[in-house]
Amino acid sequence: MSAILAAVYRGKPDELAAALGGRPAPTVFEAAAMGEAARVRELAAADRGAVDRRRPDGWPPQQVAGRLCGELP
């Protein structure tokens, strides 16, 4: 699990800010977890298979969004 996903999962905005600093743009899973729909659309437009990928735990981006989006205070 990336530092971004871990911070969102734990509901730690300070950890999320640190993880985002100086890092490349979020992956489809990270963007989904943070509720960044525009980034998810951007990735899907560039690679139609992006929304069909699965994390090692088997979750697609849609499930990540449904479970984690909104976890941050």
PDB file of N, CA and C in Angstrom:
ATOM      1  N   MET A   1       0.850  -1.165   0.000  1.00  0.00           N
ATOM      2  CA  MET A   1       0.000   0.000   0.000  1.00  0.00           C
ATOM      3  C   MET A   1       0.900   1.234   0.000  1.00  0.00           C
ATOM      4  N   SER A   2       0.563   2.166  -0.856  1.00  0.00           N
ATOM      5  CA  SER A   2       1.362   3.389  -0.939  1.00  0.00           C
ATOM      6  C   SER A   2       1.136   4.258   0.297  1.00  0.00           C
ATOM      7  N   ALA A   3       2.042   5.196   0.503  1.00  0.00           N
ATOM      8  CA  ALA A   3       1.918   6.127   1.629  1.00  0.00           C
ATOM      9  C   ALA A   3       0.649   6.965   1.501  1.00  0.00           C
ATOM     10  N   ILE A   4       0.268   7.293   0.278  1.00  0.00           N
ATOM     11  CA  ILE A   4      -0.952   8.071   0.050  1.00  0.00           C
ATOM     12  C   ILE A   4      -2.175   7.271   0.477  1.00  0.00           C
ATOM     13  N   LEU A   5      -2.263   6.027   0.008  1.00  0.00           N
ATOM     14  CA  LEU A   5      -3.412   5.196   0.382  1.00  0.00           C
ATOM     15  C   LEU A   5      -3.448   4.941   1.884  1.00  0.00           C
ATOM     16  N   ALA A   6      -2.287   4.718   2.476  1.00  0.00           N
ATOM     17  CA  ALA A   6      -2.230   4.475   3.918  1.00  0.00           C
ATOM     18  C   ALA A   6      -2.737   5.688   4.697  1.00  0.00           C
ATOM     19  N   ALA A   7      -2.346   6.885   4.275  1.00  0.00           N
ATOM     20  CA  ALA A   7      -2.787   8.105   4.960  1.00  0.00           C
ATOM     21  C   ALA A   7      -4.294   8.295   4.831  1.00  0.00           C
ATOM     22  N   VAL A   8      -4.835   8.032   3.639  1.00  0.00           N
ATOM     23  CA  VAL A   8      -6.281   8.158   3.441  1.00  0.00           C
ATOM     24  C   VAL A   8      -7.004   7.114   4.291  1.00  0.00           C
ATOM     25  N   TYR A   9      -6.515   5.887   4.269  1.00  0.00           N
ATOM     26  CA  TYR A   9      -7.145   4.798   5.013  1.00  0.00           C
ATOM     27  C   TYR A   9      -7.189   5.100   6.511  1.00  0.00           C
ATOM     28  N   ARG A  10      -6.116   5.686   7.014  1.00  0.00           N
ATOM     29  CA  ARG A  10      -6.045   5.992   8.445  1.00  0.00           C
ATOM     30  C   ARG A  10      -6.687   7.333   8.798  1.00  0.00           C
ATOM     31  N   GLY A  11      -7.124   8.091   7.769  1.00  0.00           N
ATOM     32  CA  GLY A  11      -7.756   9.384   8.027  1.00  0.00           C
ATOM     33  C   GLY A  11      -6.798  10.417   8.575  1.00  0.00           C
ATOM     34  N   LYS A  12      -5.576  10.437   8.032  1.00  0.00           N
ATOM     35  CA  LYS A  12      -4.523  11.330   8.527  1.00  0.00           C
ATOM     36  C   LYS A  12      -4.162  12.371   7.466  1.00  0.00           C
ATOM     37  N   PRO A  13      -4.823  13.537   7.454  1.00  0.00           N
ATOM     38  CA  PRO A  13      -4.538  14.546   6.438  1.00  0.00           C
ATOM     39  C   PRO A  13      -3.101  15.052   6.466  1.00  0.00           C
ATOM     40  N   ASP A  14      -2.475  15.103   7.649  1.00  0.00           N
ATOM     41  CA  ASP A  14      -1.087  15.561   7.721  1.00  0.00           C
ATOM     42  C   ASP A  14      -0.154  14.563   7.041  1.00  0.00           C
ATOM     43  N   GLU A  15      -0.401  13.278   7.225  1.00  0.00           N
ATOM     44  CA  GLU A  15       0.398  12.251   6.546  1.00  0.00           C
ATOM     45  C   GLU A  15       0.165  12.295   5.037  1.00  0.00           C
ATOM     46  N   LEU A  16      -1.081  12.563   4.631  1.00  0.00           N
ATOM     47  CA  LEU A  16      -1.390  12.660   3.207  1.00  0.00           C
ATOM     48  C   LEU A  16      -0.628  13.816   2.583  1.00  0.00           C
ATOM     49  N   ALA A  17      -0.627  14.965   3.223  1.00  0.00           N
ATOM     50  CA  ALA A  17       0.095  16.127   2.697  1.00  0.00           C
ATOM     51  C   ALA A  17       1.580  15.821   2.552  1.00  0.00           C
ATOM     52  N   ALA A  18       2.154  15.145   3.537  1.00  0.00           N
ATOM     53  CA  ALA A  18       3.574  14.783   3.467  1.00  0.00           C
ATOM     54  C   ALA A  18       3.824  13.795   2.337  1.00  0.00           C
ATOM     55  N   ALA A  19       2.923  12.835   2.155  1.00  0.00           N
ATOM     56  CA  ALA A  19       3.087  11.829   1.105  1.00  0.00           C
ATOM     57  C   ALA A  19       2.963  12.443  -0.287  1.00  0.00           C
ATOM     58  N   LEU A  20       2.130  13.464  -0.424  1.00  0.00           N
ATOM     59  CA  LEU A  20       1.930  14.107  -1.724  1.00  0.00           C
ATOM     60  C   LEU A  20       3.055  15.062  -2.091  1.00  0.00           C
ATOM     61  N   GLY A  21       3.777  15.565  -1.119  1.00  0.00           N
ATOM     62  CA  GLY A  21       4.831  16.541  -1.372  1.00  0.00           C
ATOM     63  C   GLY A  21       5.953  15.989  -2.233  1.00  0.00           C
ATOM     64  N   GLY A  22       6.224  16.670  -3.350  1.00  0.00           N
ATOM     65  CA  GLY A  22       7.333  16.311  -4.224  1.00  0.00           C
ATOM     66  C   GLY A  22       7.202  14.962  -4.897  1.00  0.00           C
ATOM     67  N   ARG A  23       6.007  14.475  -5.042  1.00  0.00           N
ATOM     68  CA  ARG A  23       5.765  13.152  -5.612  1.00  0.00           C
ATOM     69  C   ARG A  23       5.070  13.293  -6.956  1.00  0.00           C
ATOM     70  N   PRO A  24       5.222  12.297  -7.831  1.00  0.00           N
ATOM     71  CA  PRO A  24       4.473  12.347  -9.092  1.00  0.00           C
ATOM     72  C   PRO A  24       2.963  12.359  -8.836  1.00  0.00           C
ATOM     73  N   ALA A  25       2.209  12.649  -9.862  1.00  0.00           N
ATOM     74  CA  ALA A  25       0.746  12.685  -9.749  1.00  0.00           C
ATOM     75  C   ALA A  25       0.218  11.346  -9.229  1.00  0.00           C
ATOM     76  N   PRO A  26      -0.905  11.372  -8.511  1.00  0.00           N
ATOM     77  CA  PRO A  26      -1.459  10.151  -7.928  1.00  0.00           C
ATOM     78  C   PRO A  26      -1.827   9.096  -8.973  1.00  0.00           C
ATOM     79  N   THR A  27      -1.695   7.837  -8.572  1.00  0.00           N
ATOM     80  CA  THR A  27      -2.130   6.720  -9.414  1.00  0.00           C
ATOM     81  C   THR A  27      -3.651   6.696  -9.430  1.00  0.00           C
ATOM     82  N   VAL A  28      -4.221   5.842 -10.255  1.00  0.00           N
ATOM     83  CA  VAL A  28      -5.679   5.743 -10.328  1.00  0.00           C
ATOM     84  C   VAL A  28      -6.266   5.338  -8.976  1.00  0.00           C
ATOM     85  N   PHE A  29      -5.589   4.472  -8.248  1.00  0.00           N
ATOM     86  CA  PHE A  29      -6.094   4.036  -6.941  1.00  0.00           C
ATOM     87  C   PHE A  29      -6.001   5.156  -5.908  1.00  0.00           C
ATOM     88  N   GLU A  30      -4.898   5.869  -5.917  1.00  0.00           N
ATOM     89  CA  GLU A  30      -4.719   6.985  -4.988  1.00  0.00           C
ATOM     90  C   GLU A  30      -5.728   8.089  -5.279  1.00  0.00           C
ATOM     91  N   ALA A  31      -5.904   8.404  -6.562  1.00  0.00           N
ATOM     92  CA  ALA A  31      -6.870   9.439  -6.940  1.00  0.00           C
ATOM     93  C   ALA A  31      -8.286   9.033  -6.535  1.00  0.00           C
ATOM     94  N   ALA A  32      -8.630   7.771  -6.737  1.00  0.00           N
ATOM     95  CA  ALA A  32      -9.959   7.283  -6.348  1.00  0.00           C
ATOM     96  C   ALA A  32     -10.152   7.405  -4.842  1.00  0.00           C
ATOM     97  N   ALA A  33      -9.146   7.036  -4.070  1.00  0.00           N
ATOM     98  CA  ALA A  33      -9.237   7.089  -2.607  1.00  0.00           C
ATOM     99  C   ALA A  33      -9.397   8.516  -2.108  1.00  0.00           C
ATOM    100  N   MET A  34      -8.790   9.476  -2.808  1.00  0.00           N
ATOM    101  CA  MET A  34      -8.864  10.876  -2.396  1.00  0.00           C
ATOM    102  C   MET A  34     -10.072  11.597  -2.982  1.00  0.00           C
ATOM    103  N   GLY A  35     -10.846  10.905  -3.815  1.00  0.00           N
ATOM    104  CA  GLY A  35     -12.011  11.531  -4.424  1.00  0.00           C
ATOM    105  C   GLY A  35     -11.675  12.476  -5.552  1.00  0.00           C
ATOM    106  N   GLU A  36     -10.511  12.299  -6.167  1.00  0.00           N
ATOM    107  CA  GLU A  36     -10.075  13.161  -7.266  1.00  0.00           C
ATOM    108  C   GLU A  36     -10.596  12.607  -8.593  1.00  0.00           C
ATOM    109  N   ALA A  37     -11.891  12.820  -8.830  1.00  0.00           N
ATOM    110  CA  ALA A  37     -12.540  12.285 -10.019  1.00  0.00           C
ATOM    111  C   ALA A  37     -11.897  12.791 -11.309  1.00  0.00           C
ATOM    112  N   ALA A  38     -11.469  14.038 -11.330  1.00  0.00           N
ATOM    113  CA  ALA A  38     -10.839  14.590 -12.536  1.00  0.00           C
ATOM    114  C   ALA A  38      -9.567  13.823 -12.876  1.00  0.00           C
ATOM    115  N   ARG A  39      -8.776  13.476 -11.867  1.00  0.00           N
ATOM    116  CA  ARG A  39      -7.544  12.711 -12.102  1.00  0.00           C
ATOM    117  C   ARG A  39      -7.891  11.299 -12.581  1.00  0.00           C
ATOM    118  N   VAL A  40      -8.911  10.677 -12.016  1.00  0.00           N
ATOM    119  CA  VAL A  40      -9.325   9.342 -12.464  1.00  0.00           C
ATOM    120  C   VAL A  40      -9.759   9.408 -13.928  1.00  0.00           C
ATOM    121  N   ARG A  41     -10.543  10.425 -14.289  1.00  0.00           N
ATOM    122  CA  ARG A  41     -10.971  10.580 -15.692  1.00  0.00           C
ATOM    123  C   ARG A  41      -9.777  10.796 -16.610  1.00  0.00           C
ATOM    124  N   GLU A  42      -8.820  11.601 -16.165  1.00  0.00           N
ATOM    125  CA  GLU A  42      -7.605  11.859 -16.948  1.00  0.00           C
ATOM    126  C   GLU A  42      -6.850  10.552 -17.212  1.00  0.00           C
ATOM    127  N   LEU A  43      -6.682   9.749 -16.186  1.00  0.00           N
ATOM    128  CA  LEU A  43      -5.973   8.477 -16.334  1.00  0.00           C
ATOM    129  C   LEU A  43      -6.752   7.512 -17.219  1.00  0.00           C
ATOM    130  N   ALA A  44      -8.075   7.487 -17.074  1.00  0.00           N
ATOM    131  CA  ALA A  44      -8.906   6.605 -17.893  1.00  0.00           C
ATOM    132  C   ALA A  44      -8.876   7.023 -19.359  1.00  0.00           C
ATOM    133  N   ALA A  45      -8.827   8.329 -19.616  1.00  0.00           N
ATOM    134  CA  ALA A  45      -8.761   8.811 -20.997  1.00  0.00           C
ATOM    135  C   ALA A  45      -7.431   8.437 -21.646  1.00  0.00           C
ATOM    136  N   ALA A  46      -6.364   8.456 -20.854  1.00  0.00           N
ATOM    137  CA  ALA A  46      -5.037   8.120 -21.379  1.00  0.00           C
ATOM    138  C   ALA A  46      -4.841   6.613 -21.518  1.00  0.00           C
ATOM    139  N   ASP A  47      -5.528   5.842 -20.675  1.00  0.00           N
ATOM    140  CA  ASP A  47      -5.368   4.381 -20.658  1.00  0.00           C
ATOM    141  C   ASP A  47      -6.700   3.772 -20.255  1.00  0.00           C
ATOM    142  N   ARG A  48      -7.456   3.294 -21.237  1.00  0.00           N
ATOM    143  CA  ARG A  48      -8.799   2.766 -20.978  1.00  0.00           C
ATOM    144  C   ARG A  48      -8.797   1.628 -19.960  1.00  0.00           C
ATOM    145  N   GLY A  49      -7.685   0.930 -19.822  1.00  0.00           N
ATOM    146  CA  GLY A  49      -7.613  -0.181 -18.882  1.00  0.00           C
ATOM    147  C   GLY A  49      -7.388   0.242 -17.443  1.00  0.00           C
ATOM    148  N   ALA A  50      -7.135   1.522 -17.209  1.00  0.00           N
ATOM    149  CA  ALA A  50      -6.818   1.999 -15.854  1.00  0.00           C
ATOM    150  C   ALA A  50      -7.932   1.685 -14.861  1.00  0.00           C
ATOM    151  N   VAL A  51      -9.181   1.835 -15.281  1.00  0.00           N
ATOM    152  CA  VAL A  51     -10.289   1.607 -14.353  1.00  0.00           C
ATOM    153  C   VAL A  51     -10.589   0.126 -14.144  1.00  0.00           C
ATOM    154  N   ASP A  52      -9.980  -0.731 -14.950  1.00  0.00           N
ATOM    155  CA  ASP A  52     -10.183  -2.174 -14.795  1.00  0.00           C
ATOM    156  C   ASP A  52      -9.074  -2.839 -13.989  1.00  0.00           C
ATOM    157  N   ARG A  53      -8.038  -2.092 -13.654  1.00  0.00           N
ATOM    158  CA  ARG A  53      -6.932  -2.667 -12.879  1.00  0.00           C
ATOM    159  C   ARG A  53      -7.395  -2.984 -11.467  1.00  0.00           C
ATOM    160  N   ARG A  54      -6.637  -3.843 -10.832  1.00  0.00           N
ATOM    161  CA  ARG A  54      -6.962  -4.216  -9.451  1.00  0.00           C
ATOM    162  C   ARG A  54      -5.729  -4.105  -8.586  1.00  0.00           C
ATOM    163  N   ARG A  55      -5.950  -3.686  -7.360  1.00  0.00           N
ATOM    164  CA  ARG A  55      -4.863  -3.650  -6.376  1.00  0.00           C
ATOM    165  C   ARG A  55      -4.524  -5.084  -5.988  1.00  0.00           C
ATOM    166  N   PRO A  56      -3.402  -5.287  -5.277  1.00  0.00           N
ATOM    167  CA  PRO A  56      -3.058  -6.641  -4.834  1.00  0.00           C
ATOM    168  C   PRO A  56      -4.158  -7.303  -3.995  1.00  0.00           C
ATOM    169  N   ASP A  57      -4.984  -6.501  -3.312  1.00  0.00           N
ATOM    170  CA  ASP A  57      -6.076  -7.084  -2.523  1.00  0.00           C
ATOM    171  C   ASP A  57      -7.310  -7.380  -3.369  1.00  0.00           C
ATOM    172  N   GLY A  58      -7.216  -7.112  -4.687  1.00  0.00           N
ATOM    173  CA  GLY A  58      -8.302  -7.420  -5.608  1.00  0.00           C
ATOM    174  C   GLY A  58      -9.279  -6.289  -5.858  1.00  0.00           C
ATOM    175  N   TRP A  59      -9.109  -5.157  -5.187  1.00  0.00           N
ATOM    176  CA  TRP A  59     -10.043  -4.050  -5.339  1.00  0.00           C
ATOM    177  C   TRP A  59      -9.757  -3.238  -6.596  1.00  0.00           C
ATOM    178  N   PRO A  60     -10.790  -2.952  -7.410  1.00  0.00           N
ATOM    179  CA  PRO A  60     -10.634  -2.021  -8.529  1.00  0.00           C
ATOM    180  C   PRO A  60     -10.748  -0.587  -7.998  1.00  0.00           C
ATOM    181  N   PRO A  61     -10.408   0.407  -8.805  1.00  0.00           N
ATOM    182  CA  PRO A  61     -10.484   1.798  -8.349  1.00  0.00           C
ATOM    183  C   PRO A  61     -11.869   2.193  -7.818  1.00  0.00           C
ATOM    184  N   GLN A  62     -12.925   1.659  -8.422  1.00  0.00           N
ATOM    185  CA  GLN A  62     -14.274   2.006  -7.987  1.00  0.00           C
ATOM    186  C   GLN A  62     -14.524   1.555  -6.545  1.00  0.00           C
ATOM    187  N   GLN A  63     -14.032   0.396  -6.181  1.00  0.00           N
ATOM    188  CA  GLN A  63     -14.218  -0.106  -4.821  1.00  0.00           C
ATOM    189  C   GLN A  63     -13.364   0.689  -3.832  1.00  0.00           C
ATOM    190  N   VAL A  64     -12.159   1.066  -4.273  1.00  0.00           N
ATOM    191  CA  VAL A  64     -11.300   1.903  -3.430  1.00  0.00           C
ATOM    192  C   VAL A  64     -12.022   3.217  -3.133  1.00  0.00           C
ATOM    193  N   ALA A  65     -12.605   3.818  -4.165  1.00  0.00           N
ATOM    194  CA  ALA A  65     -13.323   5.085  -3.977  1.00  0.00           C
ATOM    195  C   ALA A  65     -14.497   4.909  -3.025  1.00  0.00           C
ATOM    196  N   GLY A  66     -15.250   3.845  -3.209  1.00  0.00           N
ATOM    197  CA  GLY A  66     -16.417   3.608  -2.368  1.00  0.00           C
ATOM    198  C   GLY A  66     -16.061   3.375  -0.912  1.00  0.00           C
ATOM    199  N   ARG A  67     -14.936   2.755  -0.671  1.00  0.00           N
ATOM    200  CA  ARG A  67     -14.533   2.436   0.702  1.00  0.00           C
ATOM    201  C   ARG A  67     -13.759   3.573   1.365  1.00  0.00           C
ATOM    202  N   LEU A  68     -12.851   4.208   0.622  1.00  0.00           N
ATOM    203  CA  LEU A  68     -11.931   5.156   1.242  1.00  0.00           C
ATOM    204  C   LEU A  68     -12.270   6.627   1.030  1.00  0.00           C
ATOM    205  N   CYS A  69     -12.939   6.955  -0.038  1.00  0.00           N
ATOM    206  CA  CYS A  69     -13.232   8.362  -0.310  1.00  0.00           C
ATOM    207  C   CYS A  69     -14.069   8.921   0.834  1.00  0.00           C
ATOM    208  N   GLY A  70     -13.627  10.006   1.401  1.00  0.00           N
ATOM    209  CA  GLY A  70     -14.333  10.625   2.511  1.00  0.00           C
ATOM    210  C   GLY A  70     -13.806  10.215   3.874  1.00  0.00           C
ATOM    211  N   GLU A  71     -12.735   9.432   3.910  1.00  0.00           N
ATOM    212  CA  GLU A  71     -12.160   9.007   5.187  1.00  0.00           C
ATOM    213  C   GLU A  71     -11.412  10.136   5.890  1.00  0.00           C
ATOM    214  N   LEU A  72     -10.959  11.117   5.129  1.00  0.00           N
ATOM    215  CA  LEU A  72     -10.221  12.224   5.740  1.00  0.00           C
ATOM    216  C   LEU A  72     -11.193  13.211   6.361  1.00  0.00           C
ATOM    217  N   PRO A  73     -10.816  13.759   7.517  1.00  0.00           N
ATOM    218  CA  PRO A  73     -11.707  14.735   8.169  1.00  0.00           C
ATOM    219  C   PRO A  73     -11.810  16.025   7.377  1.00  0.00           C
TER     220      PRO A  73
END
